[in-house]
Amino acid sequence: MPVPRPRAFVRKCFLVLASVFTLFLVTTPARAADLPEFVHDGTLTVCTNPTLPPMTFVNGTDATAMAGVDMDLARALARYWNVKLVTTPMDFVGLFPSLAAQRCGMVISGIIKLPEREKNFDAITYLDTALVVVARAGTPHIGSMADLSGKAVAVQSGTSYAARIGRENDLLVAAGRAPITIQQYPTEDAVVQQVLIGRVFAFASQDVELYFRRKQLHGKVNIILEPDYPEYRNFAIYIRKNAHDRQSVESAIATLETSGTIAEIRKKWAIGDSGRDAFTQPRRHRASAGRRSCPRWDRAHFCAARSLR
């Protein structure tokens, strides 16, 4: 049996070690230099308001057992950065003050990416969505928000919906019409309940929240309007303004998207699983011009079957 020459043997060992090291770099979740600065002592802290299924909600009676798209995404980010995850539930109105006060490193709570919020915080998008107006089953579709003049609409307190509807009210009052009555409630459950008991005409929320409740609400409510609000089309993670941290989160989200992790989360929570069909009444006519393009997560299921929507 021939004995390998020392130089050739050392060279082979070096190549093997180099291959192993390269594989390690590729499969390691993230290097220390990639960690955002808001990760302290190996811990990622997340603030959330667990009242918006399927994004973030309390699973059962245990207030600490939070579930949803956002919680799965937070866990995936913690695994990517190889750190421990600590989530802190709180009222919606406390989320951004807590982030500003550094009581958490990021806010993931089914929150829309809005220019007003980006004045003070960085926002990294991770999921498409749309604002919908929902009323009791059998309510005819309306043509615009102006058709809600003089009617009561429920929204969750602390969200941007009240301010957005307030802008519609400015236009209504200027035109000599009655404003929309805005009623705010602390949770999405309470918001939905107001429509079911007939206390308000409609409620405004995000489409994914409605689709998640399709088994609970099917046959009881229907979508009467999807306002053409371009600023309500993306959920975002919010962090304090920091160029390095923003790049770290964007890189992590891109990696999780490429690896299929985010797609698995969407599938788990049935995001875009033709949920709209359960809440849409047939119309006599609906123009396609100027409509919002179908969201990425819905194209394969909904848009293929509803090319005229």
Protein backbone atom coordinates (compact mmCIF):
# COMPACT_ATOMS: atom_id res chain seq x y z
CA MET A 1 0.00 0.00 0.00
CA PRO A 2 1.62 3.31 -1.09
CA VAL A 3 2.29 5.87 1.60
CA PRO A 4 1.07 9.37 0.67
CA ARG A 5 3.74 12.01 0.42
CA PRO A 6 3.61 14.51 3.32
CA ARG A 7 3.07 17.55 1.11
CA ALA A 8 0.19 15.95 -0.83
CA PHE A 9 -1.39 14.69 2.40
CA VAL A 10 -1.25 18.14 3.99
CA ARG A 11 -2.75 19.67 0.87
CA LYS A 12 -5.68 17.21 0.91
CA CYS A 13 -6.30 17.91 4.58
CA PHE A 14 -6.28 21.63 3.90
CA LEU A 15 -8.84 21.25 1.09
CA VAL A 16 -11.11 19.14 3.29
CA LEU A 17 -10.93 21.65 6.13
CA ALA A 18 -11.58 24.53 3.72
CA SER A 19 -14.68 22.77 2.38
CA VAL A 20 -15.98 22.13 5.88
CA PHE A 21 -15.37 25.77 6.85
CA THR A 22 -17.16 27.02 3.74
CA LEU A 23 -20.14 24.77 4.47
CA PHE A 24 -20.18 26.11 8.03
CA LEU A 25 -20.33 29.70 6.80
CA VAL A 26 -23.20 28.90 4.44
CA THR A 27 -25.31 27.04 7.00
CA THR A 28 -24.62 29.22 10.04
CA PRO A 29 -27.78 31.33 10.67
CA ALA A 30 -25.97 34.65 11.11
CA ARG A 31 -22.55 35.96 12.08
CA ALA A 32 -22.08 38.16 15.11
CA ALA A 33 -21.43 41.13 12.82
CA ASP A 34 -24.88 40.63 11.28
CA LEU A 35 -26.70 40.93 14.59
CA PRO A 36 -28.74 44.10 15.01
CA GLU A 37 -27.66 46.36 17.82
CA PHE A 38 -31.01 46.00 19.59
CA VAL A 39 -30.12 42.37 20.39
CA HIS A 40 -28.65 42.50 23.90
CA ASP A 41 -27.11 39.66 25.92
CA GLY A 42 -28.16 37.15 23.30
CA THR A 43 -31.84 38.15 23.56
CA LEU A 44 -34.27 39.51 20.99
CA THR A 45 -37.11 41.45 22.63
CA VAL A 46 -40.38 41.94 20.75
CA CYS A 47 -43.41 44.02 21.69
CA THR A 48 -46.80 42.92 20.36
CA ASN A 49 -50.51 43.49 20.84
CA PRO A 50 -51.94 39.95 20.58
CA THR A 51 -55.46 40.88 19.47
CA LEU A 52 -55.27 40.55 15.67
CA PRO A 53 -55.53 36.96 14.44
CA PRO A 54 -53.93 35.50 12.46
CA MET A 55 -51.09 37.99 12.86
CA THR A 56 -50.71 37.92 16.65
CA PHE A 57 -53.18 36.63 19.22
CA VAL A 58 -53.51 34.72 22.49
CA ASN A 59 -53.94 31.03 21.78
CA GLY A 60 -56.40 29.83 24.41
CA THR A 61 -56.77 31.13 27.95
CA ASP A 62 -53.06 31.45 28.73
CA ALA A 63 -52.16 35.10 28.09
CA THR A 64 -48.50 34.15 27.62
CA ALA A 65 -49.28 31.58 24.90
CA MET A 66 -49.16 33.86 21.89
CA ALA A 67 -49.47 32.55 18.35
CA GLY A 68 -49.82 33.77 14.80
CA VAL A 69 -47.87 34.88 11.76
CA ASP A 70 -45.93 37.52 13.67
CA MET A 71 -44.98 35.18 16.50
CA ASP A 72 -43.76 32.54 14.05
CA LEU A 73 -41.77 35.22 12.22
CA ALA A 74 -40.26 36.45 15.49
CA ARG A 75 -39.20 32.89 16.35
CA ALA A 76 -37.69 32.47 12.88
CA LEU A 77 -35.69 35.68 13.29
CA ALA A 78 -34.45 34.55 16.70
CA ARG A 79 -33.31 31.23 15.20
CA TYR A 80 -31.64 33.05 12.32
CA TRP A 81 -29.70 35.26 14.71
CA ASN A 82 -29.22 32.32 17.10
CA VAL A 83 -30.58 34.25 20.08
CA LYS A 84 -33.29 33.85 22.70
CA LEU A 85 -36.72 35.39 22.05
CA VAL A 86 -38.67 37.35 24.67
CA THR A 87 -42.10 38.70 23.69
CA THR A 88 -43.97 41.33 25.68
CA PRO A 89 -47.74 41.70 25.16
CA MET A 90 -49.32 45.13 25.65
CA ASP A 91 -52.08 47.43 24.48
CA PHE A 92 -51.69 48.70 20.93
CA VAL A 93 -51.29 52.30 22.07
CA GLY A 94 -48.21 51.30 24.09
CA LEU A 95 -46.27 49.64 21.28
CA PHE A 96 -44.45 52.60 19.78
CA PRO A 97 -43.79 54.39 23.09
CA SER A 98 -42.26 51.14 24.38
CA LEU A 99 -40.11 50.82 21.25
CA ALA A 100 -38.95 54.43 21.57
CA ALA A 101 -38.14 53.87 25.25
CA GLN A 102 -36.04 50.78 24.33
CA ARG A 103 -38.26 48.43 26.28
CA CYS A 104 -38.14 46.20 23.20
CA GLY A 105 -35.94 45.89 20.13
CA MET A 106 -38.72 45.59 17.58
CA VAL A 107 -42.48 45.73 17.20
CA ILE A 108 -44.16 42.92 15.25
CA SER A 109 -47.90 43.23 15.63
CA GLY A 110 -49.78 43.22 12.34
CA ILE A 111 -48.98 46.91 11.86
CA ILE A 112 -49.25 48.69 8.54
CA LYS A 113 -46.25 50.43 6.97
CA LEU A 114 -47.22 54.10 7.03
CA PRO A 115 -45.15 57.18 6.09
CA GLU A 116 -46.24 58.94 9.30
CA ARG A 117 -44.71 56.18 11.42
CA GLU A 118 -41.54 56.11 9.35
CA LYS A 119 -40.77 59.64 10.44
CA ASN A 120 -39.71 58.22 13.80
CA PHE A 121 -39.03 54.54 13.13
CA ASP A 122 -37.65 52.26 10.44
CA ALA A 123 -40.16 49.87 8.85
CA ILE A 124 -39.29 46.60 7.09
CA THR A 125 -42.14 44.99 5.13
CA TYR A 126 -42.79 41.25 5.24
CA LEU A 127 -46.39 40.60 4.10
CA ASP A 128 -48.93 42.15 1.72
CA THR A 129 -52.42 43.07 2.88
CA ALA A 130 -55.37 45.38 2.16
CA LEU A 131 -57.85 47.42 4.17
CA VAL A 132 -61.46 46.22 3.95
CA VAL A 133 -64.78 47.57 5.18
CA VAL A 134 -67.06 44.81 6.48
CA ALA A 135 -70.80 44.82 7.26
CA ARG A 136 -73.47 42.28 8.14
CA ALA A 137 -74.30 39.65 5.53
CA GLY A 138 -76.65 40.91 2.85
CA THR A 139 -75.47 44.52 3.05
CA PRO A 140 -75.05 45.87 -0.51
CA HIS A 141 -71.62 46.83 -1.74
CA ILE A 142 -70.78 50.52 -1.67
CA GLY A 143 -68.82 52.52 -4.18
CA SER A 144 -66.59 54.56 -1.89
CA MET A 145 -65.97 55.62 1.69
CA ALA A 146 -68.27 58.58 1.07
CA ASP A 147 -71.18 56.14 1.00
CA LEU A 148 -70.61 55.63 4.74
CA SER A 149 -71.73 59.21 5.39
CA GLY A 150 -73.90 59.36 8.50
CA LYS A 151 -73.17 55.73 9.44
CA ALA A 152 -71.22 54.31 12.41
CA VAL A 153 -67.98 52.42 11.75
CA ALA A 154 -65.99 50.53 14.39
CA VAL A 155 -62.18 50.40 14.51
CA GLN A 156 -59.61 49.23 17.01
CA SER A 157 -58.37 52.02 19.24
CA GLY A 158 -54.76 53.08 18.77
CA THR A 159 -54.67 52.07 15.12
CA SER A 160 -54.40 54.48 12.20
CA TYR A 161 -57.90 53.69 10.94
CA ALA A 162 -59.60 56.44 12.94
CA ALA A 163 -57.26 59.09 11.55
CA ARG A 164 -57.68 57.78 8.00
CA ILE A 165 -61.47 57.82 8.26
CA GLY A 166 -61.15 61.28 9.81
CA ARG A 167 -59.61 62.48 6.56
CA GLU A 168 -62.65 61.12 4.72
CA ASN A 169 -64.83 63.05 7.17
CA ASP A 170 -63.04 66.28 6.29
CA LEU A 171 -64.07 65.78 2.67
CA LEU A 172 -67.63 64.89 3.63
CA VAL A 173 -68.08 67.94 5.84
CA ALA A 174 -66.57 70.17 3.16
CA ALA A 175 -69.17 68.80 0.75
CA GLY A 176 -71.96 69.51 3.23
CA ARG A 177 -72.55 65.86 4.08
CA ALA A 178 -72.76 64.10 7.45
CA PRO A 179 -69.46 62.63 8.68
CA ILE A 180 -68.85 58.98 9.44
CA THR A 181 -69.29 58.20 13.14
CA ILE A 182 -66.09 56.55 14.34
CA GLN A 183 -66.40 54.21 17.32
CA GLN A 184 -63.20 52.80 18.81
CA TYR A 185 -62.83 49.57 20.79
CA PRO A 186 -59.79 48.04 22.53
CA THR A 187 -59.63 44.73 20.59
CA GLU A 188 -60.50 43.35 17.18
CA ASP A 189 -62.89 40.89 18.83
CA ALA A 190 -64.85 43.82 20.26
CA VAL A 191 -64.78 45.60 16.91
CA VAL A 192 -66.24 42.62 15.07
CA GLN A 193 -68.86 42.09 17.77
CA GLN A 194 -70.31 45.58 17.25
CA VAL A 195 -71.29 44.66 13.71
CA LEU A 196 -72.72 41.30 14.68
CA ILE A 197 -75.01 42.84 17.32
CA GLY A 198 -75.99 45.73 15.05
CA ARG A 199 -74.46 48.50 17.14
CA VAL A 200 -72.49 49.83 14.17
CA PHE A 201 -73.04 49.62 10.43
CA ALA A 202 -69.56 48.32 9.57
CA PHE A 203 -66.01 47.86 10.77
CA ALA A 204 -62.65 48.52 9.12
CA SER A 205 -59.77 46.09 9.41
CA GLN A 206 -57.14 44.20 7.40
CA ASP A 207 -58.19 41.43 5.04
CA VAL A 208 -56.04 38.71 6.63
CA GLU A 209 -57.82 39.15 9.96
CA LEU A 210 -61.17 38.63 8.29
CA TYR A 211 -60.05 35.58 6.29
CA PHE A 212 -58.73 33.94 9.44
CA ARG A 213 -62.18 34.26 10.99
CA ARG A 214 -64.00 32.82 7.97
CA LYS A 215 -65.22 29.74 9.85
CA GLN A 216 -66.50 31.93 12.67
CA LEU A 217 -67.99 34.68 10.48
CA HIS A 218 -68.91 32.96 7.22
CA GLY A 219 -72.52 33.76 6.44
CA LYS A 220 -72.65 36.54 9.03
CA VAL A 221 -70.68 39.35 7.37
CA ASN A 222 -69.39 40.34 3.97
CA ILE A 223 -66.91 42.79 2.49
CA ILE A 224 -68.70 45.85 1.16
CA LEU A 225 -65.66 47.89 0.12
CA GLU A 226 -61.91 47.65 -0.35
CA PRO A 227 -60.80 51.31 -0.37
CA ASP A 228 -58.02 52.13 -2.78
CA TYR A 229 -55.59 53.12 -0.04
CA PRO A 230 -52.04 52.41 -1.33
CA GLU A 231 -50.61 53.13 2.12
CA TYR A 232 -52.45 50.12 3.61
CA ARG A 233 -50.85 47.40 1.53
CA ASN A 234 -47.96 46.10 3.65
CA PHE A 235 -47.41 44.79 7.15
CA ALA A 236 -44.08 45.89 8.58
CA ILE A 237 -41.65 45.23 11.41
CA TYR A 238 -40.79 48.47 13.21
CA ILE A 239 -37.45 49.22 14.82
CA ARG A 240 -35.70 52.34 16.07
CA LYS A 241 -33.93 54.26 13.33
CA ASN A 242 -30.52 52.69 12.75
CA ALA A 243 -29.00 52.00 9.32
CA HIS A 244 -27.12 48.89 10.47
CA ASP A 245 -30.14 47.42 12.23
CA ARG A 246 -32.38 48.08 9.26
CA GLN A 247 -29.94 46.29 6.96
CA SER A 248 -29.69 43.38 9.41
CA VAL A 249 -33.47 42.92 9.54
CA GLU A 250 -33.87 43.33 5.77
CA SER A 251 -31.14 40.72 5.18
CA ALA A 252 -32.76 38.31 7.64
CA ILE A 253 -36.21 38.71 6.05
CA ALA A 254 -34.72 38.21 2.57
CA THR A 255 -32.98 35.02 3.72
CA LEU A 256 -36.14 33.67 5.37
CA GLU A 257 -38.07 34.47 2.19
CA THR A 258 -35.52 32.71 -0.02
CA SER A 259 -35.34 29.66 2.22
CA GLY A 260 -39.11 29.22 2.11
CA THR A 261 -39.58 29.88 5.83
CA ILE A 262 -41.96 32.79 5.32
CA ALA A 263 -43.89 30.83 2.69
CA GLU A 264 -44.35 28.03 5.24
CA ILE A 265 -45.68 30.54 7.78
CA ARG A 266 -48.17 31.92 5.25
CA LYS A 267 -49.33 28.41 4.42
CA LYS A 268 -49.67 27.46 8.09
CA TRP A 269 -52.04 30.38 8.74
CA ALA A 270 -53.87 30.06 5.40
CA ILE A 271 -52.86 33.54 4.28
CA GLY A 272 -54.38 34.08 0.86
CA ASP A 273 -56.20 30.75 0.88
CA SER A 274 -59.09 32.13 -1.19
CA GLY A 275 -60.54 33.59 1.99
CA ARG A 276 -62.08 36.49 0.12
CA ASP A 277 -64.60 34.20 -1.59
CA ALA A 278 -66.29 33.49 1.75
CA PHE A 279 -67.02 37.19 2.29
CA THR A 280 -67.71 38.50 -1.20
CA GLN A 281 -71.20 38.82 -2.66
CA PRO A 282 -71.70 38.76 -6.43
CA ARG A 283 -71.87 42.17 -8.05
CA ARG A 284 -73.71 43.31 -11.11
CA HIS A 285 -70.59 45.02 -12.37
CA ARG A 286 -67.15 45.76 -11.06
CA ALA A 287 -64.61 47.74 -13.00
CA SER A 288 -61.09 46.42 -13.01
CA ALA A 289 -59.42 49.72 -13.87
CA GLY A 290 -57.44 51.23 -11.06
CA ARG A 291 -57.81 48.19 -8.81
CA ARG A 292 -55.03 47.06 -6.52
CA SER A 293 -52.80 44.38 -8.00
CA CYS A 294 -53.14 40.99 -6.36
CA PRO A 295 -50.79 40.51 -3.41
CA ARG A 296 -47.83 38.18 -3.80
CA TRP A 297 -49.11 35.63 -1.32
CA ASP A 298 -52.51 35.38 -3.06
CA ARG A 299 -51.61 35.19 -6.71
CA ALA A 300 -51.30 31.43 -6.95
CA HIS A 301 -54.73 30.80 -5.40
CA PHE A 302 -57.04 33.75 -5.64
CA CYS A 303 -55.83 35.79 -8.58
CA ALA A 304 -55.61 32.82 -10.92
CA ALA A 305 -59.31 32.21 -10.41
CA ARG A 306 -60.30 35.87 -10.16
CA SER A 307 -58.36 37.50 -12.96
CA LEU A 308 -61.01 40.22 -13.38
CA ARG A 309 -60.99 41.34 -9.75
